[in-house]
Protein backbone atom coordinates (compact mmCIF):
# COMPACT_ATOMS: atom_id res chain seq x y z
CA MET A 1 50.44 18.64 -17.33
CA THR A 2 47.37 16.28 -16.81
CA GLN A 3 43.85 17.64 -17.07
CA ILE A 4 40.97 17.35 -14.64
CA SER A 5 37.35 18.03 -14.39
CA ILE A 6 35.03 18.00 -11.74
CA LEU A 7 31.23 18.29 -11.89
CA GLY A 8 30.07 19.80 -8.90
CA CYS A 9 32.47 22.63 -7.56
CA GLY A 10 30.56 22.93 -4.42
CA TRP A 11 31.42 21.89 -0.23
CA LEU A 12 33.85 19.62 -0.96
CA GLY A 13 34.89 20.18 -5.04
CA LEU A 14 35.37 23.84 -5.06
CA PRO A 15 38.28 22.74 -2.11
CA LEU A 16 39.56 19.89 -4.13
CA ALA A 17 39.72 21.60 -7.05
CA LYS A 18 41.65 24.02 -5.02
CA ALA A 19 44.25 21.16 -3.79
CA LEU A 20 44.48 19.56 -7.09
CA LEU A 21 45.91 23.32 -8.62
CA ALA A 22 48.14 23.41 -5.54
CA ASN A 23 49.67 19.97 -6.84
CA GLY A 24 49.98 20.70 -10.39
CA PHE A 25 47.05 19.70 -12.07
CA SER A 26 44.92 21.58 -15.13
CA VAL A 27 41.27 21.91 -13.67
CA LYS A 28 38.13 22.47 -15.04
CA GLY A 29 34.95 23.22 -12.74
CA SER A 30 31.41 22.97 -13.13
CA THR A 31 28.48 24.91 -11.30
CA THR A 32 25.18 25.34 -11.71
CA SER A 33 25.39 29.10 -10.02
CA ASN A 34 25.94 32.04 -12.63
CA GLU A 35 27.09 33.94 -9.25
CA LYS A 36 29.89 31.15 -8.46
CA ILE A 37 31.39 31.42 -12.17
CA SER A 38 33.67 34.43 -11.13
CA VAL A 39 34.83 32.93 -7.97
CA LEU A 40 35.66 29.93 -9.66
CA GLU A 41 37.94 31.46 -12.57
CA ASN A 42 39.52 33.58 -9.93
CA SER A 43 40.57 30.33 -7.91
CA GLY A 44 42.60 29.63 -11.29
CA ILE A 45 39.61 26.92 -12.08
CA LYS A 46 38.31 27.02 -15.64
CA PRO A 47 34.96 27.46 -15.06
CA PHE A 48 31.46 25.90 -16.70
CA LEU A 49 27.80 26.64 -16.33
CA ILE A 50 26.54 22.73 -16.22
CA ALA A 51 23.27 21.62 -14.99
CA LEU A 52 21.69 18.03 -15.29
CA SER A 53 18.18 17.36 -15.07
CA GLU A 54 15.95 14.06 -15.30
CA ASP A 55 15.40 14.55 -19.38
CA LYS A 56 18.06 16.86 -20.70
CA THR A 57 21.57 18.34 -19.52
CA LYS A 58 22.45 22.44 -19.51
CA GLY A 59 25.73 23.73 -20.83
CA LYS A 60 28.58 23.04 -22.81
CA LEU A 61 29.50 19.52 -21.20
CA ASP A 62 31.68 18.45 -24.18
CA ASP A 63 33.95 21.56 -23.78
CA PHE A 64 34.26 20.73 -19.92
CA LEU A 65 35.43 17.42 -20.98
CA GLU A 66 37.67 18.23 -23.57
CA ASN A 67 41.60 16.86 -23.01
CA SER A 68 40.66 15.81 -19.68
CA LYS A 69 41.57 12.22 -18.76
CA ILE A 70 39.92 12.14 -15.74
CA LEU A 71 36.16 13.23 -14.71
CA ILE A 72 35.49 13.61 -10.75
CA ILE A 73 31.54 13.25 -10.58
CA ASP A 74 30.58 14.86 -6.93
CA VAL A 75 26.97 15.73 -7.48
CA PRO A 76 24.93 14.49 -4.32
CA PRO A 77 21.36 13.11 -5.15
CA LYS A 78 18.61 16.00 -4.90
CA LEU A 79 15.89 13.69 -3.20
CA ARG A 80 14.62 16.00 -0.98
CA GLY A 81 12.21 18.84 -1.01
CA PRO A 82 9.90 20.19 -3.77
CA GLU A 83 13.05 20.05 -6.57
CA LYS A 84 13.61 16.33 -6.02
CA GLU A 85 14.55 14.60 -8.96
CA ASN A 86 15.75 11.22 -10.23
CA PHE A 87 19.54 11.66 -9.78
CA VAL A 88 19.94 7.82 -11.90
CA SER A 89 17.95 9.88 -14.84
CA LYS A 90 21.06 12.55 -14.57
CA ILE A 91 23.71 9.52 -14.39
CA LYS A 92 22.15 8.29 -17.75
CA ASN A 93 22.05 11.73 -19.24
CA LEU A 94 25.60 12.34 -18.74
CA ILE A 95 27.13 9.10 -19.45
CA PRO A 96 26.85 9.22 -23.48
CA PHE A 97 29.40 12.57 -23.38
CA ILE A 98 31.28 10.79 -20.86
CA GLU A 99 31.75 8.03 -23.51
CA LYS A 100 32.73 10.41 -26.39
CA SER A 101 34.96 12.16 -24.90
CA SER A 102 38.78 12.06 -23.57
CA VAL A 103 37.77 10.98 -20.85
CA GLU A 104 39.64 7.41 -19.47
CA ASN A 105 38.87 7.48 -15.74
CA VAL A 106 35.88 8.39 -13.32
CA LEU A 107 35.95 8.92 -9.88
CA PHE A 108 32.64 8.90 -8.29
CA ILE A 109 31.90 10.68 -5.30
CA SER A 110 29.35 8.00 -3.59
CA SER A 111 28.17 7.20 0.25
CA THR A 112 27.85 4.75 2.64
CA ALA A 113 24.16 5.00 2.31
CA VAL A 114 24.48 2.02 0.25
CA TYR A 115 24.66 -0.17 2.50
CA GLY A 116 21.84 0.30 4.27
CA ASP A 117 21.58 -0.05 8.62
CA THR A 118 22.11 -3.67 10.05
CA SER A 119 20.66 -5.40 13.18
CA SER A 120 23.66 -6.16 14.62
CA ALA A 121 27.32 -4.57 15.50
CA LEU A 122 28.92 -5.37 12.29
CA SER A 123 31.85 -4.41 10.46
CA VAL A 124 31.37 -3.37 6.77
CA THR A 125 33.83 -3.15 4.09
CA GLU A 126 33.89 -3.16 0.79
CA GLU A 127 32.90 -7.05 0.27
CA THR A 128 29.74 -6.24 2.14
CA LYS A 129 26.23 -7.17 0.68
CA THR A 130 24.96 -3.64 -0.25
CA CYS A 131 21.26 -2.96 0.46
CA PRO A 132 19.90 0.36 0.69
CA GLU A 133 17.13 1.52 2.69
CA THR A 134 16.86 5.14 1.66
CA GLU A 135 15.84 6.10 -1.64
CA SER A 136 19.25 8.13 -2.01
CA GLY A 137 20.70 5.27 -1.42
CA ARG A 138 19.33 3.04 -3.81
CA GLN A 139 20.03 5.62 -6.49
CA LEU A 140 23.38 6.13 -5.39
CA LEU A 141 24.27 2.59 -6.17
CA GLU A 142 22.31 1.98 -9.41
CA ALA A 143 24.47 5.12 -10.21
CA GLU A 144 27.55 3.25 -9.17
CA GLN A 145 26.45 -0.15 -11.22
CA LEU A 146 26.07 2.26 -14.43
CA LEU A 147 29.43 3.54 -14.40
CA GLN A 148 31.67 0.71 -13.47
CA SER A 149 29.96 -1.56 -15.89
CA ASN A 150 30.33 0.93 -18.69
CA PRO A 151 33.35 -0.48 -21.38
CA ASN A 152 34.32 3.04 -22.68
CA PHE A 153 36.21 4.49 -19.57
CA LYS A 154 36.91 2.71 -15.85
CA THR A 155 35.62 4.00 -12.60
CA THR A 156 36.40 4.21 -9.05
CA ILE A 157 34.06 4.71 -6.48
CA LEU A 158 34.82 6.56 -2.91
CA ARG A 159 32.01 5.88 -0.74
CA PHE A 160 31.91 8.75 2.04
CA GLY A 161 30.46 8.69 5.40
CA GLY A 162 28.82 11.22 7.12
CA LEU A 163 30.88 14.29 5.80
CA ILE A 164 31.96 17.24 8.52
CA GLY A 165 34.77 20.28 8.11
CA GLU A 166 34.95 23.47 10.17
CA ASP A 167 31.91 24.86 8.72
CA ARG A 168 30.11 21.95 8.72
CA HIS A 169 28.91 19.70 11.88
CA PRO A 170 25.64 17.67 12.59
CA ILE A 171 26.31 18.50 16.27
CA LYS A 172 24.75 22.16 15.21
CA PHE A 173 21.58 20.69 14.34
CA LEU A 174 21.11 17.87 17.20
CA ALA A 175 22.25 20.55 19.71
CA GLY A 176 19.64 21.01 22.38
CA LYS A 177 17.10 18.48 21.03
CA THR A 178 15.67 15.60 23.19
CA ASN A 179 14.52 12.14 22.21
CA LEU A 180 17.29 11.55 19.87
CA ASP A 181 17.24 7.91 18.75
CA ASN A 182 20.40 5.23 18.12
CA PRO A 183 22.20 6.56 21.27
CA ASN A 184 24.43 3.60 21.29
CA ALA A 185 25.00 3.31 17.44
CA PRO A 186 28.29 3.93 16.02
CA ILE A 187 29.22 7.22 14.11
CA ASN A 188 30.60 7.14 10.74
CA LEU A 189 32.14 10.36 9.90
CA ILE A 190 34.98 12.08 7.88
CA HIS A 191 36.62 15.04 7.85
CA GLN A 192 36.41 17.57 4.35
CA GLU A 193 40.46 17.19 4.53
CA ASP A 194 40.64 13.74 4.73
CA CYS A 195 38.29 12.97 1.83
CA ILE A 196 40.78 15.42 -0.18
CA GLY A 197 43.51 13.48 0.93
CA ILE A 198 42.33 10.68 -0.05
CA ILE A 199 41.33 11.48 -3.76
CA LEU A 200 44.52 13.14 -4.30
CA GLU A 201 46.39 9.68 -2.69
CA ILE A 202 44.03 7.90 -5.59
CA LEU A 203 45.37 10.41 -8.44
CA ARG A 204 48.88 10.63 -7.11
CA GLN A 205 48.81 6.24 -7.54
CA ALA A 206 47.02 6.46 -10.08
CA GLN A 207 49.30 8.54 -12.03
CA ASN A 208 52.18 6.28 -10.78
CA ASP A 209 50.45 3.16 -12.02
CA LYS A 210 50.56 1.53 -8.36
CA LEU A 211 46.71 1.70 -8.43
CA LEU A 212 44.37 0.43 -10.58
CA TRP A 213 41.27 2.21 -11.39
CA ASN A 214 37.39 -0.26 -11.12
CA GLU A 215 38.34 0.19 -7.56
CA ILE A 216 35.69 0.88 -4.54
CA PHE A 217 36.49 2.30 -1.20
CA ASN A 218 35.07 3.33 1.68
CA ALA A 219 36.08 6.42 3.06
CA VAL A 220 35.09 6.97 6.93
CA THR A 221 37.61 7.83 9.73
CA PRO A 222 38.50 4.89 11.83
CA PHE A 223 37.01 6.32 14.70
CA HIS A 224 33.68 5.00 15.92
CA PRO A 225 32.49 6.14 19.50
CA SER A 226 28.45 5.67 20.32
CA ARG A 227 26.37 8.87 18.82
CA LYS A 228 25.45 9.57 22.50
CA GLU A 229 29.19 9.72 23.61
CA TYR A 230 30.51 11.78 20.74
CA TYR A 231 27.96 14.15 20.19
CA THR A 232 27.46 14.90 24.23
CA GLN A 233 31.51 15.60 23.74
CA LYS A 234 31.46 17.40 21.37
CA ALA A 235 28.54 19.84 22.61
CA VAL A 236 30.71 20.25 25.85
CA ASP A 237 33.74 21.05 23.64
CA LEU A 238 31.91 23.80 21.34
CA ASN A 239 29.99 25.13 24.55
CA LEU A 240 26.62 24.04 22.85
CA SER A 241 23.03 22.89 24.82
CA LEU A 242 23.75 19.24 25.34
CA PRO A 243 21.65 16.70 22.99
CA TYR A 244 19.17 14.48 24.58
CA PHE A 245 19.01 10.63 23.84
CA ASN A 246 16.00 8.47 23.90
CA PRO A 247 17.48 5.09 25.53
CA GLU A 248 14.59 3.15 24.30
CA ILE A 249 15.06 4.01 20.62
CA THR A 250 17.91 2.42 19.94
CA THR A 251 19.70 -0.09 17.35
CA PHE A 252 23.10 -1.40 16.81
CA GLY A 253 23.98 0.30 13.50
CA LYS A 254 26.74 -0.28 11.33
CA THR A 255 30.38 0.44 11.53
CA ILE A 256 32.04 1.01 8.42
CA SER A 257 35.65 -0.26 8.18
CA SER A 258 38.36 1.95 5.98
CA SER A 259 41.19 -0.30 6.34
CA LYS A 260 41.36 -0.86 2.22
CA ILE A 261 42.25 2.80 2.18
CA GLU A 262 44.65 2.86 4.91
CA THR A 263 46.11 -0.71 3.50
CA VAL A 264 46.04 -0.67 -0.29
CA LEU A 265 46.24 3.19 -0.31
CA GLY A 266 48.43 3.35 2.78
CA TYR A 267 46.55 6.75 3.61
CA THR A 268 47.15 8.01 7.21
CA PHE A 269 44.00 10.08 8.39
CA THR A 270 44.71 13.79 9.21
CA LYS A 271 41.53 14.14 11.22
CA PRO A 272 41.58 10.66 13.18
CA ASN A 273 39.61 11.86 16.14
CA LEU A 274 37.20 14.43 14.62
């Protein structure tokens, strides 16, 4: 039974861990919350209390990584609010633990924010030059480069678009608001179920030697209506107040292509219309 360590059993990491267990993997999972230890344990996940910071690590990282061949890093940058930290420094502190562990392959959950915005309608592929415009995008890109350039393990990067799920959707924050920008910009979203499905497919093919590590994948549902069209209809569907967009505050925005996911992995999105 292949053992996987998931650093960050949060909104995506916890259901991912459960899916891995259902598919025959043994899973170690980390959390920063004492209260969540029992949640992981009751789900069949071996729990670890681990916290990364700019200058140190807390928790039994050596034990967390022991006997795992694969490490999934799903720790989003904390760059907002009073407790924001340097994400790159966190990854730098983590890397020595990976180097001396049994981990051979790393799957790093990143974001399409590494591409930045564009001034014209453009299909963005994995070959498109990265040009992050936000601090989050810049630090994620630097973390990607640190991991993929390390010769002690092989890293695949998974760049997700905006994450949505049954309990998480942007329309809940946009409903009833006015003067919203970028009405004509395309959406680039992906459902939690497809996030998990793609990760499972990467691991399945890697186990069967059908897929090499050190890859980069964009992961965005191939459904790109305009922000105005999509969020207005979603508000109607959910019986929420309509959002109102200002047509004078607009850019073309970028369209993220997931064609590599579909052609190389042969993955079919289960939530194609979001």
